[in-house]
Protein backbone atom coordinates (compact mmCIF):
# COMPACT_ATOMS: atom_id res chain seq x y z
CA MET A 1 0.00 0.00 0.00
CA ILE A 2 2.78 2.42 0.89
CA ARG A 3 4.48 1.74 -2.44
CA LYS A 4 1.28 2.68 -4.27
CA VAL A 5 0.93 5.89 -2.25
CA MET A 6 4.55 6.86 -2.83
CA ALA A 7 4.58 6.02 -6.54
CA GLY A 8 5.19 9.07 -8.68
CA VAL A 9 5.67 11.42 -5.71
CA ASP A 10 8.94 13.35 -5.54
CA VAL A 11 8.57 14.98 -2.15
CA LYS A 12 12.02 16.55 -2.17
CA LEU A 13 11.38 18.29 -5.49
CA SER A 14 7.89 19.38 -4.40
CA ILE A 15 9.25 20.94 -1.20
CA ARG A 16 11.83 22.90 -3.19
CA GLU A 17 9.26 24.07 -5.74
CA THR A 18 6.81 25.13 -3.04
CA LEU A 19 9.48 27.10 -1.17
CA GLN A 20 10.52 28.73 -4.44
CA LYS A 21 6.93 29.86 -5.07
CA ILE A 22 6.70 31.23 -1.53
CA ASP A 23 9.93 33.19 -2.09
CA GLN A 24 8.68 34.59 -5.40
CA VAL A 25 5.32 35.74 -4.05
CA TYR A 26 6.87 37.18 -0.91
CA ALA A 27 9.50 39.08 -2.94
CA ALA A 28 6.77 40.57 -5.13
CA LYS A 29 4.86 42.00 -2.17
CA SER A 30 4.92 45.71 -1.40
CA PRO A 31 8.32 46.88 -0.13
CA THR A 32 6.49 48.81 2.59
CA SER A 33 5.16 45.56 4.07
CA ASN A 34 7.06 44.34 7.11
CA ALA A 35 5.25 41.01 7.28
CA PRO A 36 7.57 38.05 7.90
CA LYS A 37 8.34 35.54 5.18
CA PRO A 38 5.57 32.92 5.21
CA LEU A 39 6.23 29.65 7.01
CA LEU A 40 5.56 26.43 5.13
CA VAL A 41 3.74 23.76 7.14
CA ALA A 42 3.83 20.51 5.17
CA VAL A 43 0.53 18.74 5.81
CA SER A 44 1.40 15.06 6.10
CA LYS A 45 -1.97 13.66 7.18
CA THR A 46 -2.60 10.09 5.94
CA LYS A 47 0.94 9.97 4.53
CA PRO A 48 3.56 7.35 5.45
CA ILE A 49 6.60 8.08 7.57
CA GLU A 50 8.88 7.60 4.56
CA LEU A 51 7.53 10.74 2.89
CA ILE A 52 7.98 12.79 6.05
CA LEU A 53 11.59 11.61 6.24
CA ASP A 54 12.08 12.68 2.61
CA ALA A 55 10.74 16.16 3.33
CA TYR A 56 12.80 16.48 6.49
CA SER A 57 15.96 15.47 4.60
CA VAL A 58 15.77 18.63 2.45
CA GLY A 59 15.27 20.96 5.39
CA GLN A 60 11.52 20.94 6.01
CA ARG A 61 10.87 21.12 9.76
CA HIS A 62 7.23 22.11 10.26
CA PHE A 63 4.58 19.45 9.64
CA GLY A 64 0.81 19.55 10.10
CA GLU A 65 -1.52 16.74 11.15
CA ASN A 66 -5.32 16.71 11.33
CA TYR A 67 -6.07 13.56 13.29
CA VAL A 68 -5.15 12.98 16.92
CA GLN A 69 -4.38 9.27 16.75
CA GLU A 70 -2.32 9.65 13.58
CA LEU A 71 -0.24 12.43 15.14
CA VAL A 72 0.28 10.33 18.27
CA GLU A 73 1.61 7.46 16.19
CA LYS A 74 3.85 9.60 13.99
CA ALA A 75 5.29 11.77 16.76
CA ASN A 76 6.26 8.63 18.68
CA ASP A 77 7.56 6.68 15.70
CA GLU A 78 11.13 5.47 16.30
CA ARG A 79 12.31 6.66 12.88
CA ILE A 80 10.93 10.14 13.46
CA LEU A 81 12.43 10.34 16.95
CA GLU A 82 15.84 9.15 15.73
CA GLN A 83 16.12 10.96 12.40
CA CYS A 84 13.98 14.09 12.87
CA LYS A 85 15.07 15.54 16.19
CA ASP A 86 14.16 19.11 15.15
CA ILE A 87 10.73 18.32 13.72
CA ARG A 88 7.92 20.66 14.78
CA TRP A 89 4.37 19.36 14.79
CA HIS A 90 1.35 21.59 14.19
CA PHE A 91 -2.08 20.20 15.04
CA ILE A 92 -4.47 21.62 12.44
CA GLY A 93 -7.60 19.49 12.94
CA HIS A 94 -10.59 19.60 15.23
CA LEU A 95 -9.46 18.96 18.80
CA GLN A 96 -11.95 17.59 21.31
CA SER A 97 -11.41 18.43 24.97
CA ASN A 98 -11.16 14.76 25.95
CA LYS A 99 -8.14 14.32 23.67
CA ILE A 100 -6.12 17.30 24.91
CA ASN A 101 -3.72 15.24 27.03
CA LYS A 102 -2.97 12.88 24.15
CA ILE A 103 -1.76 15.82 22.08
CA LEU A 104 0.06 17.87 24.71
CA ASN A 105 2.21 14.97 25.87
CA LEU A 106 3.70 14.44 22.42
CA PRO A 107 7.39 15.09 21.70
CA ASN A 108 8.15 18.11 19.50
CA LEU A 109 4.64 19.58 19.59
CA HIS A 110 4.99 23.15 18.32
CA MET A 111 1.51 24.61 17.92
CA ILE A 112 -2.23 24.01 18.17
CA GLN A 113 -3.71 26.01 15.27
CA THR A 114 -7.36 25.28 15.96
CA VAL A 115 -8.48 26.88 19.23
CA HIS A 116 -12.13 27.51 18.42
CA SER A 117 -13.73 28.09 21.86
CA THR A 118 -13.12 29.33 25.38
CA LYS A 119 -13.76 25.78 26.63
CA LEU A 120 -10.93 24.37 24.52
CA ALA A 121 -8.64 27.27 25.43
CA GLU A 122 -9.24 26.73 29.14
CA GLY A 123 -8.70 23.00 28.80
CA LEU A 124 -5.38 23.53 27.02
CA ASN A 125 -4.33 26.14 29.57
CA LYS A 126 -4.95 23.87 32.56
CA ALA A 127 -3.37 20.84 30.89
CA TRP A 128 -0.23 22.78 29.95
CA GLU A 129 0.10 24.09 33.51
CA LYS A 130 -0.09 20.52 34.84
CA LEU A 131 2.44 19.36 32.25
CA LYS A 132 4.91 22.04 33.33
CA THR A 133 4.52 20.97 36.95
CA GLU A 134 5.25 17.35 36.10
CA HIS A 135 7.95 18.15 33.54
CA PRO A 136 9.80 21.38 34.45
CA GLU A 137 11.74 21.29 31.18
CA THR A 138 8.50 22.02 29.27
CA GLN A 139 8.48 25.39 27.53
CA ALA A 140 6.68 28.16 29.40
CA LYS A 141 3.77 28.56 27.01
CA LEU A 142 1.98 26.50 24.37
CA ASN A 143 1.73 28.21 20.98
CA VAL A 144 -1.85 28.48 19.72
CA LEU A 145 -3.89 30.19 17.02
CA VAL A 146 -7.53 31.24 17.22
CA GLN A 147 -9.53 29.42 14.55
CA ILE A 148 -12.16 31.51 12.77
CA ASN A 149 -15.00 30.15 10.63
CA THR A 150 -14.79 32.67 7.80
CA SER A 151 -17.06 30.78 5.40
CA GLY A 152 -19.99 30.29 7.77
CA GLU A 153 -20.26 26.61 6.83
CA ASP A 154 -21.76 24.39 9.52
CA GLU A 155 -19.22 21.62 8.90
CA LYS A 156 -16.30 23.98 9.52
CA ASN A 157 -15.08 24.62 13.04
CA GLY A 158 -14.05 27.99 14.37
CA VAL A 159 -15.45 30.98 16.17
CA GLN A 160 -17.61 33.40 14.17
CA PRO A 161 -15.69 36.44 12.83
CA GLY A 162 -17.66 38.79 15.06
CA ASP A 163 -16.51 36.87 18.15
CA ALA A 164 -12.84 36.55 17.17
CA VAL A 165 -11.62 39.51 19.22
CA GLU A 166 -13.29 38.22 22.39
CA LEU A 167 -11.89 34.71 22.00
CA TYR A 168 -8.45 36.19 21.41
CA ARG A 169 -8.97 38.35 24.53
CA TYR A 170 -9.93 35.30 26.56
CA VAL A 171 -6.77 33.44 25.58
CA LEU A 172 -4.62 36.52 26.10
CA GLU A 173 -6.02 37.49 29.50
CA ARG A 174 -7.35 34.25 31.02
CA CYS A 175 -4.91 31.62 29.76
CA PRO A 176 -1.42 32.48 31.04
CA ASN A 177 0.00 29.16 29.84
CA LEU A 178 -0.93 29.81 26.21
CA SER A 179 0.82 32.08 23.73
CA CYS A 180 -1.86 33.39 21.39
CA ASP A 181 0.20 33.86 18.25
CA GLY A 182 -2.50 34.77 15.74
CA VAL A 183 -5.47 33.58 13.71
CA MET A 184 -6.30 30.70 11.38
CA THR A 185 -9.02 29.70 8.95
CA ILE A 186 -9.79 26.82 6.62
CA GLY A 187 -12.31 28.65 4.47
CA ARG A 188 -14.53 27.42 1.69
CA PHE A 189 -12.92 25.04 -0.79
CA GLY A 190 -12.73 25.69 -4.53
CA HIS A 191 -13.01 29.47 -4.75
CA ASP A 192 -13.07 30.70 -8.36
CA TYR A 193 -10.39 33.39 -8.48
CA SER A 194 -11.62 34.60 -11.85
CA THR A 195 -14.46 36.22 -9.89
CA GLY A 196 -12.09 38.12 -7.59
CA PRO A 197 -10.20 37.65 -4.30
CA ASN A 198 -11.21 34.96 -1.84
CA PRO A 199 -13.72 36.55 0.57
CA ASP A 200 -12.67 34.17 3.36
CA PHE A 201 -9.12 35.50 3.18
CA GLY A 202 -10.46 39.03 3.33
CA THR A 203 -12.58 38.17 6.37
CA LEU A 204 -9.62 36.68 8.21
CA MET A 205 -7.45 39.71 7.45
CA LYS A 206 -10.20 41.97 8.86
CA CYS A 207 -10.22 39.89 12.04
CA HIS A 208 -6.43 40.18 12.14
CA GLU A 209 -6.68 43.96 11.79
CA GLN A 210 -9.31 44.22 14.54
CA ILE A 211 -7.19 42.14 16.91
CA CYS A 212 -4.08 44.19 16.22
CA CYS A 213 -5.95 47.45 16.77
CA THR A 214 -7.76 46.26 19.90
CA PHE A 215 -4.67 44.93 21.64
CA GLU A 216 -2.16 47.37 20.12
CA ARG A 217 -0.16 44.60 18.48
CA ASP A 218 2.28 45.00 15.62
CA PRO A 219 0.52 43.30 12.66
CA ALA A 220 3.82 41.68 11.67
CA GLU A 221 3.90 39.88 15.02
CA VAL A 222 0.40 38.37 14.78
CA GLN A 223 0.41 35.26 12.60
CA VAL A 224 -2.13 34.56 9.87
CA SER A 225 -2.56 30.90 8.91
CA MET A 226 -4.51 30.52 5.66
CA GLY A 227 -3.94 29.00 2.25
CA MET A 228 -3.48 25.42 1.13
CA SER A 229 -2.20 23.59 -1.96
CA ASP A 230 -4.63 25.22 -4.40
CA ASP A 231 -4.48 28.77 -3.12
CA PHE A 232 -1.43 29.40 -0.94
CA VAL A 233 -0.05 31.87 -3.50
CA GLN A 234 -3.21 34.00 -3.32
CA ALA A 235 -3.23 33.62 0.48
CA ILE A 236 0.29 35.05 0.75
CA GLU A 237 -0.71 37.93 -1.52
CA GLU A 238 -3.59 38.65 0.87
CA GLY A 239 -1.38 38.56 3.99
CA SER A 240 -0.89 34.95 5.10
CA THR A 241 2.22 34.23 7.16
CA ILE A 242 1.64 30.45 7.52
CA VAL A 243 0.57 28.24 4.62
CA ARG A 244 -0.54 24.64 5.05
CA VAL A 245 0.37 22.68 1.94
CA GLY A 246 -0.32 18.97 1.62
CA SER A 247 -1.38 17.34 -1.65
CA SER A 248 0.91 19.37 -3.91
CA ILE A 249 3.85 18.12 -1.82
CA PHE A 250 2.83 14.59 -0.86
CA GLY A 251 0.34 13.71 -3.58
CA ALA A 252 -3.37 12.91 -3.34
CA ARG A 253 -4.55 11.80 0.09
CA ALA A 254 -5.87 8.45 1.14
CA LYS A 255 -9.18 8.22 3.01
CA LYS A 256 -9.38 9.39 6.63
CA PRO A 257 -8.16 6.71 9.07
CA ALA A 258 -11.08 4.93 10.76
CA ASN A 259 -9.54 5.31 14.25
CA ALA A 260 -8.59 9.00 13.94
């Protein structure tokens, strides 16, 4: 099965080509912009360890996973632990409160991008505080992003745009063990760019602007995670600082694992 999945996929080349596109789009942005160069998160969900090792071998360090059980297995895989000591995992899927401890105890966890409620934020805050007590070497704060449902679709998670500032405030003021680094959206799939810019990107950038104004933050220091394989170029043009690219690097995805 793995051979079939890997057939025809040159992950090393795809990583290089994706980074080259990011460089080109970033270089073409306004010289007055002080936004940081966008970070590439390679979305490796449903993909075998071998492809992650390939990506890591050419310098890719940030990887995104959507499913709790799959991330648990990959983060604890002997090959990953031995050969990818600097790997940084981003959880980019829906996180249920009863699975918080499974995620936070993983080696090399870098960020939870999908904080969509005060309940989840509080759960993460308490769990991280407990983890620091038990393991003093744990970093002071857990990096998180506030997830915003910019498309208004029922099947998408995230706080409504009008409530984004208050959720950000809650994390900032009530969750001392979390570092609220910015905002994230998934958005509606398949936008036709011949009709104009993606409205979901515009909505997220408005939320970003409101947060920066409300809390007097430098916009360059508040991350924006939006854009995937089909539209990360347009996302960077609109202001994204984190792009989550999967299929154009690793190839088409297999079906969601049954035990995710």
